[in-house]
Amino acid sequence: MRKVLIIDTSLLCVWLKVYGMEVCGSDNNRWNFERVERKIQEEMAKSTTLVLPLATVVETGNHIAQARAKQYETAEAFARIITYAAQETSPWAAFSEQIILWEAQALKELADQFPNLAKQKTSMGDASIVILGQHYYHKAYHVEFLTADEQLKAQEPPPPATPLRRSDRRVNKP
């Protein structure tokens, strides 16, 4: 089964060691660089495709620029990741996969949904990540959100059903 790991802003900032954002999550779900690195390496070993949502790119870039230190070094590391994704260098998914989500019809649908999402305290960035997850889910990918945000994680598409083996499909005859 093909799998994508969609990376949220908070964990990308931890992975990049953005100054002041080196740790995130609640006490029972704390993420630091070592934990993020371990998770990403495990997924890469399984040939999981890493997805960098456009919202994550914009938000992470803002955090890097507003950091009190190490903006240049962090921006260089971030620029490498963006370049890999732009060139669809494994394990990164191509940005072009997300283009349809920003076309007129998809934007209209997002605009229609957003007032209710905002009422539920779902940001536009998170809403776009959920829609991106649904996009990959409908293409038969196992989708996982790499996030410390429990509300966003709860909106992750369900894991794909395990196909039945031939022997499981037999009807027991009396």
C-alpha atoms as a PDB file:
ATOM      1  CA  MET A   1       0.000   0.000   0.000  1.00  0.00           C
ATOM      2  CA  ARG A   2       1.339   3.406  -0.962  1.00  0.00           C
ATOM      3  CA  LYS A   3       1.612   5.842   1.912  1.00  0.00           C
ATOM      4  CA  VAL A   4       2.022   9.595   2.232  1.00  0.00           C
ATOM      5  CA  LEU A   5       3.147  11.471   5.312  1.00  0.00           C
ATOM      6  CA  ILE A   6       1.776  15.022   5.226  1.00  0.00           C
ATOM      7  CA  ILE A   7       3.978  17.271   7.339  1.00  0.00           C
ATOM      8  CA  ASP A   8       2.373  19.999   9.443  1.00  0.00           C
ATOM      9  CA  THR A   9       4.068  23.321  10.185  1.00  0.00           C
ATOM     10  CA  SER A  10       4.761  22.671  13.853  1.00  0.00           C
ATOM     11  CA  LEU A  11       6.701  19.455  13.218  1.00  0.00           C
ATOM     12  CA  LEU A  12       8.547  20.866  10.223  1.00  0.00           C
ATOM     13  CA  CYS A  13       9.673  23.750  12.436  1.00  0.00           C
ATOM     14  CA  VAL A  14      10.881  21.255  15.055  1.00  0.00           C
ATOM     15  CA  TRP A  15      12.683  19.181  12.388  1.00  0.00           C
ATOM     16  CA  LEU A  16      14.355  22.300  10.973  1.00  0.00           C
ATOM     17  CA  LYS A  17      15.192  23.465  14.510  1.00  0.00           C
ATOM     18  CA  VAL A  18      13.560  26.863  13.949  1.00  0.00           C
ATOM     19  CA  TYR A  19      14.782  29.023  16.809  1.00  0.00           C
ATOM     20  CA  GLY A  20      12.170  29.121  19.570  1.00  0.00           C
ATOM     21  CA  MET A  21      10.185  26.274  18.002  1.00  0.00           C
ATOM     22  CA  GLU A  22      12.437  23.315  18.790  1.00  0.00           C
ATOM     23  CA  VAL A  23       9.709  21.461  20.708  1.00  0.00           C
ATOM     24  CA  CYS A  24       5.944  21.195  20.289  1.00  0.00           C
ATOM     25  CA  GLY A  25       2.955  19.210  21.449  1.00  0.00           C
ATOM     26  CA  SER A  26       1.240  18.489  24.722  1.00  0.00           C
ATOM     27  CA  ASP A  27       2.908  16.872  27.724  1.00  0.00           C
ATOM     28  CA  ASN A  28       1.730  13.401  26.668  1.00  0.00           C
ATOM     29  CA  ASN A  29       2.603  13.975  22.982  1.00  0.00           C
ATOM     30  CA  ARG A  30       5.850  15.982  23.089  1.00  0.00           C
ATOM     31  CA  TRP A  31       7.844  16.256  19.843  1.00  0.00           C
ATOM     32  CA  ASN A  32      11.517  17.238  19.686  1.00  0.00           C
ATOM     33  CA  PHE A  33      14.044  17.004  16.842  1.00  0.00           C
ATOM     34  CA  GLU A  34      15.072  13.437  17.717  1.00  0.00           C
ATOM     35  CA  ARG A  35      11.498  12.156  17.682  1.00  0.00           C
ATOM     36  CA  VAL A  36      10.633  13.894  14.399  1.00  0.00           C
ATOM     37  CA  GLU A  37      13.880  12.727  12.790  1.00  0.00           C
ATOM     38  CA  ARG A  38      13.277   9.131  13.941  1.00  0.00           C
ATOM     39  CA  LYS A  39       9.706   9.158  12.567  1.00  0.00           C
ATOM     40  CA  ILE A  40      10.751  10.586   9.194  1.00  0.00           C
ATOM     41  CA  GLN A  41      13.652   8.125   8.871  1.00  0.00           C
ATOM     42  CA  GLU A  42      11.325   5.206   9.722  1.00  0.00           C
ATOM     43  CA  GLU A  43       8.836   6.329   7.082  1.00  0.00           C
ATOM     44  CA  MET A  44      11.541   6.838   4.463  1.00  0.00           C
ATOM     45  CA  ALA A  45      12.787   3.291   5.143  1.00  0.00           C
ATOM     46  CA  LYS A  46       9.242   2.110   4.311  1.00  0.00           C
ATOM     47  CA  SER A  47       9.298   4.124   1.037  1.00  0.00           C
ATOM     48  CA  THR A  48       6.668   6.533   2.329  1.00  0.00           C
ATOM     49  CA  THR A  49       6.284   9.688   0.251  1.00  0.00           C
ATOM     50  CA  LEU A  50       6.749  12.925   2.203  1.00  0.00           C
ATOM     51  CA  VAL A  51       4.292  15.698   1.365  1.00  0.00           C
ATOM     52  CA  LEU A  52       4.991  19.360   2.025  1.00  0.00           C
ATOM     53  CA  PRO A  53       1.665  21.229   1.885  1.00  0.00           C
ATOM     54  CA  LEU A  54       1.707  24.731   0.474  1.00  0.00           C
ATOM     55  CA  ALA A  55       0.245  26.031   3.755  1.00  0.00           C
ATOM     56  CA  THR A  56       3.166  24.458   5.623  1.00  0.00           C
ATOM     57  CA  VAL A  57       5.633  26.139   3.262  1.00  0.00           C
ATOM     58  CA  VAL A  58       4.116  29.582   3.828  1.00  0.00           C
ATOM     59  CA  GLU A  59       3.682  29.218   7.581  1.00  0.00           C
ATOM     60  CA  THR A  60       7.153  27.709   8.133  1.00  0.00           C
ATOM     61  CA  GLY A  61       8.748  30.444   6.043  1.00  0.00           C
ATOM     62  CA  ASN A  62       7.008  33.032   8.212  1.00  0.00           C
ATOM     63  CA  HIS A  63       8.268  31.377  11.415  1.00  0.00           C
ATOM     64  CA  ILE A  64      11.831  31.237  10.085  1.00  0.00           C
ATOM     65  CA  ALA A  65      11.796  34.906   9.052  1.00  0.00           C
ATOM     66  CA  GLN A  66      10.380  35.955  12.442  1.00  0.00           C
ATOM     67  CA  ALA A  67      12.768  33.820  14.518  1.00  0.00           C
ATOM     68  CA  ARG A  68      15.145  35.705  16.793  1.00  0.00           C
ATOM     69  CA  ALA A  69      18.205  33.810  15.569  1.00  0.00           C
ATOM     70  CA  LYS A  70      19.567  31.470  12.884  1.00  0.00           C
ATOM     71  CA  GLN A  71      17.216  32.732  10.153  1.00  0.00           C
ATOM     72  CA  TYR A  72      19.768  32.322   7.360  1.00  0.00           C
ATOM     73  CA  GLU A  73      20.951  28.816   8.299  1.00  0.00           C
ATOM     74  CA  THR A  74      17.425  27.574   8.875  1.00  0.00           C
ATOM     75  CA  ALA A  75      16.182  29.172   5.656  1.00  0.00           C
ATOM     76  CA  GLU A  76      18.969  27.418   3.725  1.00  0.00           C
ATOM     77  CA  ALA A  77      17.898  24.014   5.088  1.00  0.00           C
ATOM     78  CA  PHE A  78      14.265  24.833   4.356  1.00  0.00           C
ATOM     79  CA  ALA A  79      15.129  25.980   0.823  1.00  0.00           C
ATOM     80  CA  ARG A  80      16.759  22.585   0.164  1.00  0.00           C
ATOM     81  CA  ILE A  81      13.572  20.780   1.201  1.00  0.00           C
ATOM     82  CA  ILE A  82      11.427  23.057  -0.978  1.00  0.00           C
ATOM     83  CA  THR A  83      13.762  22.419  -3.918  1.00  0.00           C
ATOM     84  CA  TYR A  84      13.560  18.650  -3.396  1.00  0.00           C
ATOM     85  CA  ALA A  85       9.753  18.835  -3.352  1.00  0.00           C
ATOM     86  CA  ALA A  86       9.685  21.108  -6.400  1.00  0.00           C
ATOM     87  CA  GLN A  87      11.861  18.629  -8.285  1.00  0.00           C
ATOM     88  CA  GLU A  88       9.980  15.611  -6.868  1.00  0.00           C
ATOM     89  CA  THR A  89      13.234  14.243  -5.512  1.00  0.00           C
ATOM     90  CA  SER A  90      12.509  11.072  -3.563  1.00  0.00           C
ATOM     91  CA  PRO A  91      11.069  10.817  -0.953  1.00  0.00           C
ATOM     92  CA  TRP A  92       9.295  14.143  -1.585  1.00  0.00           C
ATOM     93  CA  ALA A  93       6.003  14.438  -3.471  1.00  0.00           C
ATOM     94  CA  ALA A  94       5.831  16.976  -6.255  1.00  0.00           C
ATOM     95  CA  PHE A  95       4.133  20.280  -5.528  1.00  0.00           C
ATOM     96  CA  SER A  96       2.286  19.894  -8.833  1.00  0.00           C
ATOM     97  CA  GLU A  97       0.168  17.218  -7.133  1.00  0.00           C
ATOM     98  CA  GLN A  98      -1.390  20.002  -5.046  1.00  0.00           C
ATOM     99  CA  ILE A  99      -2.191  22.393  -7.909  1.00  0.00           C
ATOM    100  CA  ILE A 100      -5.736  21.117  -8.381  1.00  0.00           C
ATOM    101  CA  LEU A 101      -6.488  22.052  -4.766  1.00  0.00           C
ATOM    102  CA  TRP A 102      -5.825  25.713  -5.576  1.00  0.00           C
ATOM    103  CA  GLU A 103      -7.871  25.906  -8.792  1.00  0.00           C
ATOM    104  CA  ALA A 104     -11.069  27.969  -8.895  1.00  0.00           C
ATOM    105  CA  GLN A 105     -13.573  25.192  -8.123  1.00  0.00           C
ATOM    106  CA  ALA A 106     -11.569  23.796  -5.211  1.00  0.00           C
ATOM    107  CA  LEU A 107     -11.069  27.301  -3.789  1.00  0.00           C
ATOM    108  CA  LYS A 108     -14.817  27.947  -4.016  1.00  0.00           C
ATOM    109  CA  GLU A 109     -15.497  24.723  -2.123  1.00  0.00           C
ATOM    110  CA  LEU A 110     -12.936  25.676   0.518  1.00  0.00           C
ATOM    111  CA  ALA A 111     -14.509  29.127   0.812  1.00  0.00           C
ATOM    112  CA  ASP A 112     -17.930  27.537   1.298  1.00  0.00           C
ATOM    113  CA  GLN A 113     -16.604  25.260   4.048  1.00  0.00           C
ATOM    114  CA  PHE A 114     -14.383  27.750   5.816  1.00  0.00           C
ATOM    115  CA  PRO A 115     -16.947  29.665   7.935  1.00  0.00           C
ATOM    116  CA  ASN A 116     -17.982  26.427   9.677  1.00  0.00           C
ATOM    117  CA  LEU A 117     -14.355  25.351  10.003  1.00  0.00           C
ATOM    118  CA  ALA A 118     -13.389  28.698  11.522  1.00  0.00           C
ATOM    119  CA  LYS A 119     -16.269  28.378  13.970  1.00  0.00           C
ATOM    120  CA  GLN A 120     -14.704  25.058  15.029  1.00  0.00           C
ATOM    121  CA  LYS A 121     -11.303  26.812  15.427  1.00  0.00           C
ATOM    122  CA  THR A 122      -9.828  25.107  12.326  1.00  0.00           C
ATOM    123  CA  SER A 123      -7.334  27.376  10.580  1.00  0.00           C
ATOM    124  CA  MET A 124      -7.169  27.821   6.820  1.00  0.00           C
ATOM    125  CA  GLY A 125      -3.797  26.065   6.845  1.00  0.00           C
ATOM    126  CA  ASP A 126      -5.229  23.039   8.655  1.00  0.00           C
ATOM    127  CA  ALA A 127      -8.292  23.029   6.389  1.00  0.00           C
ATOM    128  CA  SER A 128      -6.037  22.885   3.333  1.00  0.00           C
ATOM    129  CA  ILE A 129      -4.049  20.021   4.895  1.00  0.00           C
ATOM    130  CA  VAL A 130      -7.262  18.067   5.516  1.00  0.00           C
ATOM    131  CA  ILE A 131      -8.321  18.613   1.894  1.00  0.00           C
ATOM    132  CA  LEU A 132      -4.863  17.535   0.698  1.00  0.00           C
ATOM    133  CA  GLY A 133      -5.169  14.403   2.840  1.00  0.00           C
ATOM    134  CA  GLN A 134      -8.559  13.643   1.288  1.00  0.00           C
ATOM    135  CA  HIS A 135      -7.040  14.129  -2.178  1.00  0.00           C
ATOM    136  CA  TYR A 136      -4.403  11.459  -1.520  1.00  0.00           C
ATOM    137  CA  TYR A 137      -6.907   9.206   0.255  1.00  0.00           C
ATOM    138  CA  HIS A 138      -9.160   9.205  -2.816  1.00  0.00           C
ATOM    139  CA  LYS A 139      -6.129   8.213  -4.879  1.00  0.00           C
ATOM    140  CA  ALA A 140      -5.864   5.075  -2.676  1.00  0.00           C
ATOM    141  CA  TYR A 141      -2.966   6.218  -0.484  1.00  0.00           C
ATOM    142  CA  HIS A 142      -2.660   5.496   3.201  1.00  0.00           C
ATOM    143  CA  VAL A 143      -2.518   9.048   4.587  1.00  0.00           C
ATOM    144  CA  GLU A 144      -0.882  10.075   7.843  1.00  0.00           C
ATOM    145  CA  PHE A 145      -0.614  13.620   9.178  1.00  0.00           C
ATOM    146  CA  LEU A 146       2.687  14.262  10.944  1.00  0.00           C
ATOM    147  CA  THR A 147       1.408  16.744  13.492  1.00  0.00           C
ATOM    148  CA  ALA A 148       1.276  17.413  17.223  1.00  0.00           C
ATOM    149  CA  ASP A 149      -2.123  19.077  16.754  1.00  0.00           C
ATOM    150  CA  GLU A 150      -4.702  16.638  18.095  1.00  0.00           C
ATOM    151  CA  GLN A 151      -7.591  18.408  16.334  1.00  0.00           C
ATOM    152  CA  LEU A 152      -5.814  18.139  12.966  1.00  0.00           C
ATOM    153  CA  LYS A 153      -4.747  14.536  13.654  1.00  0.00           C
ATOM    154  CA  ALA A 154      -8.393  13.652  14.369  1.00  0.00           C
ATOM    155  CA  GLN A 155      -9.273  14.757  10.815  1.00  0.00           C
ATOM    156  CA  GLU A 156      -6.766  12.371   9.226  1.00  0.00           C
ATOM    157  CA  PRO A 157      -8.402  10.038   6.682  1.00  0.00           C
ATOM    158  CA  PRO A 158      -8.957   6.504   7.994  1.00  0.00           C
ATOM    159  CA  PRO A 159      -6.375   3.865   7.196  1.00  0.00           C
ATOM    160  CA  PRO A 160      -7.221   1.851   4.105  1.00  0.00           C
ATOM    161  CA  ALA A 161      -9.127  -1.350   4.638  1.00  0.00           C
ATOM    162  CA  THR A 162      -7.003  -4.448   4.475  1.00  0.00           C
ATOM    163  CA  PRO A 163      -7.975  -6.403   1.375  1.00  0.00           C
ATOM    164  CA  LEU A 164      -9.512  -9.750   2.117  1.00  0.00           C
ATOM    165  CA  ARG A 165      -7.478 -12.786   1.249  1.00  0.00           C
ATOM    166  CA  ARG A 166      -9.083 -15.284  -1.046  1.00  0.00           C
ATOM    167  CA  SER A 167      -9.582 -17.753   1.808  1.00  0.00           C
ATOM    168  CA  ASP A 168     -11.356 -15.044   3.872  1.00  0.00           C
ATOM    169  CA  ARG A 169     -13.966 -14.605   1.145  1.00  0.00           C
ATOM    170  CA  ARG A 170     -15.130 -18.216   1.119  1.00  0.00           C
ATOM    171  CA  VAL A 171     -18.532 -18.843   2.517  1.00  0.00           C
ATOM    172  CA  ASN A 172     -18.637 -21.591   5.091  1.00  0.00           C
ATOM    173  CA  LYS A 173     -20.980 -24.260   3.803  1.00  0.00           C
ATOM    174  CA  PRO A 174     -22.815 -26.487   6.312  1.00  0.00           C
END
